């Protein structure tokens, strides 16, 4: 088993977030000032200081508008992977729409980096029991691994009884895909989401670090973050009390916490961690 954990960034802007979708409609995205380049470059610099490589799951909508950012991520030695095209929940799409958007995103990224894109992560981890059909489409489109399944119970995502280990999902007819689930820990008899994002910001840092450390003793972990999470000066968007709490809590602490985490655990790209763990991604 690999000693490294997967370091991942979901490259999207603050106005793409599902928690703010009621306040910012998709047809309004162009009217908002993009902050993704500044924020992603900050993260790239932090990774470089820590000598850490990661996987950047990039939204196709952003890749079209920020092609030089995609090339810079690749130039710095990080893995480029797909985050879909329009950040819509998979279970809210038809299979045909999902197929066309995912194919489009993959092609955009591959044209920019001149390299096969083999990894995928759904918007808001929205491959659930309602949308497992998406895995068949990912294989059809040439993806080798997925990291969309969160083995927890949540109002927007999650498959609570999913296998928490990196594993192969057999789809029949000699088709399969490697699944690298988001990290959970066992705490007081409960399965606790401890992979990053809002959990990284909302939990006290000492508690997150402790539980993440416990989790990665058993299996390679996955840490994720979004560029907007290192941006406490982003515009404030009116949203529900719960969404406001989830999105804005401790944004001013994320950068320092990330520096600490990078110095506390060994990290690598998702592709490399899976290969070191014995999975064939050819």
Protein backbone atom coordinates (compact mmCIF):
# COMPACT_ATOMS: atom_id res chain seq x y z
CA UNK A 1 0.00 0.00 0.00
CA UNK A 2 1.24 3.45 -0.88
CA UNK A 3 2.61 5.65 1.87
CA UNK A 4 1.42 8.70 -0.02
CA UNK A 5 -2.05 10.22 0.01
CA UNK A 6 -3.81 11.78 -2.96
CA UNK A 7 -3.68 15.58 -3.05
CA UNK A 8 -6.55 16.93 -5.17
CA UNK A 9 -7.95 20.30 -6.19
CA UNK A 10 -11.37 20.77 -7.80
CA UNK A 11 -10.75 23.73 -10.10
CA UNK A 12 -13.89 25.85 -10.15
CA UNK A 13 -14.82 29.40 -9.17
CA UNK A 14 -16.93 30.51 -6.21
CA UNK A 15 -19.99 31.07 -8.41
CA UNK A 16 -20.03 27.43 -9.59
CA UNK A 17 -20.65 26.01 -6.13
CA UNK A 18 -23.82 23.94 -5.68
CA UNK A 19 -24.45 25.54 -2.29
CA UNK A 20 -24.88 28.91 -4.04
CA UNK A 21 -26.79 27.61 -7.06
CA UNK A 22 -30.09 29.08 -5.87
CA UNK A 23 -28.51 32.53 -5.77
CA UNK A 24 -26.33 32.36 -8.91
CA UNK A 25 -27.88 30.73 -11.96
CA UNK A 26 -25.72 29.14 -14.65
CA UNK A 27 -26.71 31.78 -17.21
CA UNK A 28 -25.29 34.43 -14.85
CA UNK A 29 -21.81 32.94 -14.52
CA UNK A 30 -20.29 35.16 -17.21
CA UNK A 31 -21.34 38.29 -15.32
CA UNK A 32 -19.20 37.41 -12.29
CA UNK A 33 -15.53 38.34 -12.07
CA UNK A 34 -13.37 35.23 -12.22
CA UNK A 35 -11.00 34.67 -9.30
CA UNK A 36 -9.91 31.15 -10.19
CA UNK A 37 -6.53 32.01 -11.77
CA UNK A 38 -5.27 33.99 -8.77
CA UNK A 39 -6.49 31.37 -6.30
CA UNK A 40 -5.20 28.36 -8.22
CA UNK A 41 -1.79 29.97 -8.68
CA UNK A 42 -1.62 30.54 -4.93
CA UNK A 43 -2.25 26.83 -4.40
CA UNK A 44 0.31 25.90 -7.05
CA UNK A 45 2.91 28.00 -5.23
CA UNK A 46 2.07 26.35 -1.90
CA UNK A 47 2.46 22.92 -3.50
CA UNK A 48 5.78 23.94 -5.00
CA UNK A 49 7.07 25.17 -1.63
CA UNK A 50 6.11 21.82 -0.11
CA UNK A 51 7.52 19.86 -3.08
CA UNK A 52 4.12 18.19 -3.46
CA UNK A 53 2.41 17.02 -6.64
CA UNK A 54 -1.34 16.68 -6.98
CA UNK A 55 -4.29 16.06 -9.25
CA UNK A 56 -6.32 19.01 -10.48
CA UNK A 57 -9.88 18.08 -11.45
CA UNK A 58 -10.65 20.94 -13.81
CA UNK A 59 -14.10 22.11 -14.84
CA UNK A 60 -14.43 22.17 -18.63
CA UNK A 61 -16.23 25.52 -18.52
CA UNK A 62 -13.18 27.02 -16.81
CA UNK A 63 -10.69 25.26 -19.08
CA UNK A 64 -12.31 26.88 -22.12
CA UNK A 65 -11.93 30.32 -20.57
CA UNK A 66 -8.59 29.83 -18.79
CA UNK A 67 -6.52 27.62 -21.11
CA UNK A 68 -3.21 29.04 -19.89
CA UNK A 69 -4.08 28.04 -16.32
CA UNK A 70 -4.61 24.43 -17.43
CA UNK A 71 -1.26 24.48 -19.23
CA UNK A 72 0.45 25.98 -16.16
CA UNK A 73 -0.92 23.24 -13.91
CA UNK A 74 0.43 20.65 -16.35
CA UNK A 75 3.74 22.48 -16.80
CA UNK A 76 4.35 22.35 -13.06
CA UNK A 77 4.11 18.57 -13.13
CA UNK A 78 0.62 18.01 -11.75
CA UNK A 79 -1.96 15.59 -13.11
CA UNK A 80 -4.82 17.14 -15.09
CA UNK A 81 -8.15 15.36 -14.65
CA UNK A 82 -11.81 16.12 -15.44
CA UNK A 83 -14.41 17.71 -13.19
CA UNK A 84 -17.06 17.55 -15.88
CA UNK A 85 -18.11 20.57 -17.90
CA UNK A 86 -20.85 22.62 -16.26
CA UNK A 87 -20.76 21.59 -12.58
CA UNK A 88 -24.26 20.15 -12.65
CA UNK A 89 -25.24 17.33 -10.30
CA UNK A 90 -24.92 14.05 -12.20
CA UNK A 91 -28.20 12.66 -10.89
CA UNK A 92 -29.93 15.81 -12.19
CA UNK A 93 -28.75 15.16 -15.76
CA UNK A 94 -29.94 12.71 -18.37
CA UNK A 95 -27.46 10.06 -19.42
CA UNK A 96 -27.13 11.67 -22.86
CA UNK A 97 -26.39 15.11 -21.43
CA UNK A 98 -23.87 13.65 -18.98
CA UNK A 99 -22.14 11.74 -21.78
CA UNK A 100 -21.88 14.77 -24.07
CA UNK A 101 -20.69 17.16 -21.36
CA UNK A 102 -18.13 14.73 -19.99
CA UNK A 103 -16.82 13.92 -23.45
CA UNK A 104 -16.55 17.65 -24.22
CA UNK A 105 -14.64 18.38 -21.03
CA UNK A 106 -12.22 15.50 -21.57
CA UNK A 107 -11.49 16.63 -25.12
CA UNK A 108 -10.89 20.26 -24.07
CA UNK A 109 -8.37 19.20 -21.43
CA UNK A 110 -6.58 16.69 -23.65
CA UNK A 111 -6.24 19.26 -26.44
CA UNK A 112 -4.63 21.69 -23.98
CA UNK A 113 -2.14 19.34 -22.31
CA UNK A 114 -1.59 16.94 -25.23
CA UNK A 115 -1.94 14.00 -22.86
CA UNK A 116 -4.63 11.46 -22.09
CA UNK A 117 -6.95 12.43 -19.23
CA UNK A 118 -7.78 9.30 -17.24
CA UNK A 119 -9.35 10.62 -14.02
CA UNK A 120 -12.80 12.00 -13.27
CA UNK A 121 -14.60 13.57 -10.31
CA UNK A 122 -18.26 14.54 -10.40
CA UNK A 123 -19.53 17.93 -9.27
CA UNK A 124 -20.42 17.72 -5.57
CA UNK A 125 -19.56 13.99 -5.50
CA UNK A 126 -22.90 13.37 -7.22
CA UNK A 127 -22.32 9.81 -8.35
CA UNK A 128 -24.71 8.19 -5.88
CA UNK A 129 -26.95 5.15 -5.96
CA UNK A 130 -29.23 7.20 -8.25
CA UNK A 131 -26.49 7.76 -10.82
CA UNK A 132 -24.22 4.71 -10.83
CA UNK A 133 -24.96 4.50 -14.57
CA UNK A 134 -22.39 7.31 -14.91
CA UNK A 135 -19.57 4.82 -14.27
CA UNK A 136 -20.46 2.92 -17.45
CA UNK A 137 -20.28 6.15 -19.43
CA UNK A 138 -16.91 7.05 -17.90
CA UNK A 139 -15.49 3.71 -19.05
CA UNK A 140 -17.05 4.22 -22.48
CA UNK A 141 -15.26 7.59 -22.73
CA UNK A 142 -11.89 6.15 -21.74
CA UNK A 143 -11.55 7.13 -18.09
CA UNK A 144 -9.50 4.71 -15.97
CA UNK A 145 -10.45 5.91 -12.49
CA UNK A 146 -13.15 7.86 -10.70
CA UNK A 147 -13.11 9.74 -7.39
CA UNK A 148 -16.73 10.75 -6.96
CA UNK A 149 -18.09 8.39 -4.33
CA UNK A 150 -18.19 9.64 -0.75
CA UNK A 151 -18.97 6.81 1.73
CA UNK A 152 -21.09 9.06 3.98
CA UNK A 153 -24.66 10.24 4.44
CA UNK A 154 -25.24 13.80 3.24
CA UNK A 155 -28.15 15.83 1.91
CA UNK A 156 -26.53 16.27 -1.52
CA UNK A 157 -24.25 13.27 -2.03
CA UNK A 158 -22.91 10.04 -0.58
CA UNK A 159 -23.24 6.26 -0.60
CA UNK A 160 -23.02 5.45 3.12
CA UNK A 161 -22.22 1.74 2.70
CA UNK A 162 -19.70 2.19 -0.13
CA UNK A 163 -16.29 0.51 0.08
CA UNK A 164 -13.94 3.10 1.65
CA UNK A 165 -10.79 1.56 0.12
CA UNK A 166 -9.48 2.23 -3.37
CA UNK A 167 -11.00 -0.64 -5.36
CA UNK A 168 -12.09 -1.91 -8.74
CA UNK A 169 -15.76 -1.67 -9.65
CA UNK A 170 -16.74 -4.42 -12.06
CA UNK A 171 -19.33 -3.26 -14.59
CA UNK A 172 -19.80 -6.50 -16.53
CA UNK A 173 -18.68 -7.59 -20.00
CA UNK A 174 -15.05 -7.33 -18.88
CA UNK A 175 -15.45 -3.59 -18.18
CA UNK A 176 -14.29 -2.01 -14.95
CA UNK A 177 -13.14 1.23 -13.40
CA UNK A 178 -10.94 2.00 -10.40
CA UNK A 179 -12.75 3.93 -7.67
CA UNK A 180 -10.78 6.07 -5.20
CA UNK A 181 -13.40 7.10 -2.62
CA UNK A 182 -13.22 10.23 -0.52
CA UNK A 183 -11.67 9.66 2.90
CA UNK A 184 -13.71 8.89 5.99
CA UNK A 185 -12.68 8.03 9.54
CA UNK A 186 -14.37 5.96 12.23
CA UNK A 187 -15.20 8.18 15.18
CA UNK A 188 -17.33 7.14 18.14
CA UNK A 189 -19.07 4.49 16.08
CA UNK A 190 -19.85 6.90 13.24
CA UNK A 191 -18.37 7.30 9.77
CA UNK A 192 -16.95 10.81 9.64
CA UNK A 193 -16.19 12.69 6.39
CA UNK A 194 -12.58 13.81 6.75
CA UNK A 195 -11.35 14.38 3.17
CA UNK A 196 -11.07 18.16 3.04
CA UNK A 197 -13.17 21.02 1.71
CA UNK A 198 -15.77 22.28 4.15
CA UNK A 199 -14.79 19.62 6.67
CA UNK A 200 -11.22 20.96 6.58
CA UNK A 201 -12.48 24.47 7.32
CA UNK A 202 -15.34 23.76 9.72
CA UNK A 203 -13.75 21.18 12.02
CA UNK A 204 -11.08 22.49 14.41
CA UNK A 205 -7.78 21.94 12.62
CA UNK A 206 -6.32 19.72 15.37
CA UNK A 207 -9.36 17.48 15.10
CA UNK A 208 -9.20 17.24 11.29
CA UNK A 209 -5.48 16.45 11.36
CA UNK A 210 -5.98 13.80 14.07
CA UNK A 211 -8.83 12.07 12.25
CA UNK A 212 -7.18 12.28 8.83
CA UNK A 213 -4.06 10.77 10.37
CA UNK A 214 -6.10 7.93 11.86
CA UNK A 215 -7.81 7.28 8.53
CA UNK A 216 -4.62 7.10 6.45
CA UNK A 217 -3.11 4.49 8.74
CA UNK A 218 -5.59 2.06 7.19
CA UNK A 219 -5.59 3.09 3.52
CA UNK A 220 -4.30 5.86 1.21
CA UNK A 221 -6.27 9.02 1.88
CA UNK A 222 -7.77 11.62 -0.41
CA UNK A 223 -7.55 15.31 0.42
CA UNK A 224 -9.50 17.82 -1.65
CA UNK A 225 -9.87 21.58 -1.74
CA UNK A 226 -11.27 24.23 -4.09
CA UNK A 227 -9.40 27.37 -5.18
CA UNK A 228 -12.12 29.62 -3.74
CA UNK A 229 -11.40 28.15 -0.28
CA UNK A 230 -8.11 30.08 -0.04
CA UNK A 231 -9.88 33.34 -0.96
CA UNK A 232 -11.43 35.09 2.07
CA UNK A 233 -11.94 38.25 -0.02
CA UNK A 234 -14.30 36.68 -2.54
CA UNK A 235 -17.68 38.41 -3.02
CA UNK A 236 -20.34 37.49 -0.49
CA UNK A 237 -23.41 35.93 -2.06
CA UNK A 238 -26.75 35.86 -0.30
CA UNK A 239 -27.74 32.26 0.41
CA UNK A 240 -29.47 30.11 3.02
CA UNK A 241 -28.04 30.07 6.53
CA UNK A 242 -26.72 26.52 6.05
CA UNK A 243 -25.15 27.27 2.66
CA UNK A 244 -23.59 30.47 3.99
CA UNK A 245 -22.05 28.57 6.89
CA UNK A 246 -20.73 25.77 4.65
CA UNK A 247 -19.24 28.12 2.07
CA UNK A 248 -17.72 30.97 4.09
CA UNK A 249 -16.68 29.39 7.39
CA UNK A 250 -12.96 29.91 8.16
CA UNK A 251 -11.92 30.93 4.64
CA UNK A 252 -9.30 33.16 6.29
CA UNK A 253 -7.68 30.11 7.92
CA UNK A 254 -7.51 27.75 4.95
CA UNK A 255 -4.15 28.83 3.54
CA UNK A 256 -2.29 28.42 6.83
CA UNK A 257 -4.02 25.12 7.52
CA UNK A 258 -3.07 23.85 4.07
CA UNK A 259 0.58 24.73 4.66
CA UNK A 260 0.47 22.79 7.92
CA UNK A 261 -1.18 19.77 6.33
CA UNK A 262 1.34 19.66 3.47
CA UNK A 263 4.16 19.52 5.99
CA UNK A 264 2.44 16.82 8.06
CA UNK A 265 1.56 14.11 5.50
CA UNK A 266 3.16 12.77 2.32
CA UNK A 267 1.12 13.55 -0.78
CA UNK A 268 1.16 12.75 -4.49
CA UNK A 269 -1.15 12.81 -7.48
CA UNK A 270 -4.11 10.46 -7.53
CA UNK A 271 -2.73 8.69 -10.60
CA UNK A 272 0.61 8.03 -8.89
CA UNK A 273 -0.92 6.92 -5.57
CA UNK A 274 -3.17 4.43 -7.37
CA UNK A 275 -0.28 3.05 -9.41
CA UNK A 276 1.90 2.73 -6.31
CA UNK A 277 -1.01 0.89 -4.67
CA UNK A 278 -0.94 -1.72 -7.41
CA UNK A 279 -3.75 -0.59 -9.70
CA UNK A 280 -3.32 -0.96 -13.45
CA UNK A 281 -4.36 2.31 -15.14
CA UNK A 282 -3.30 1.33 -18.65
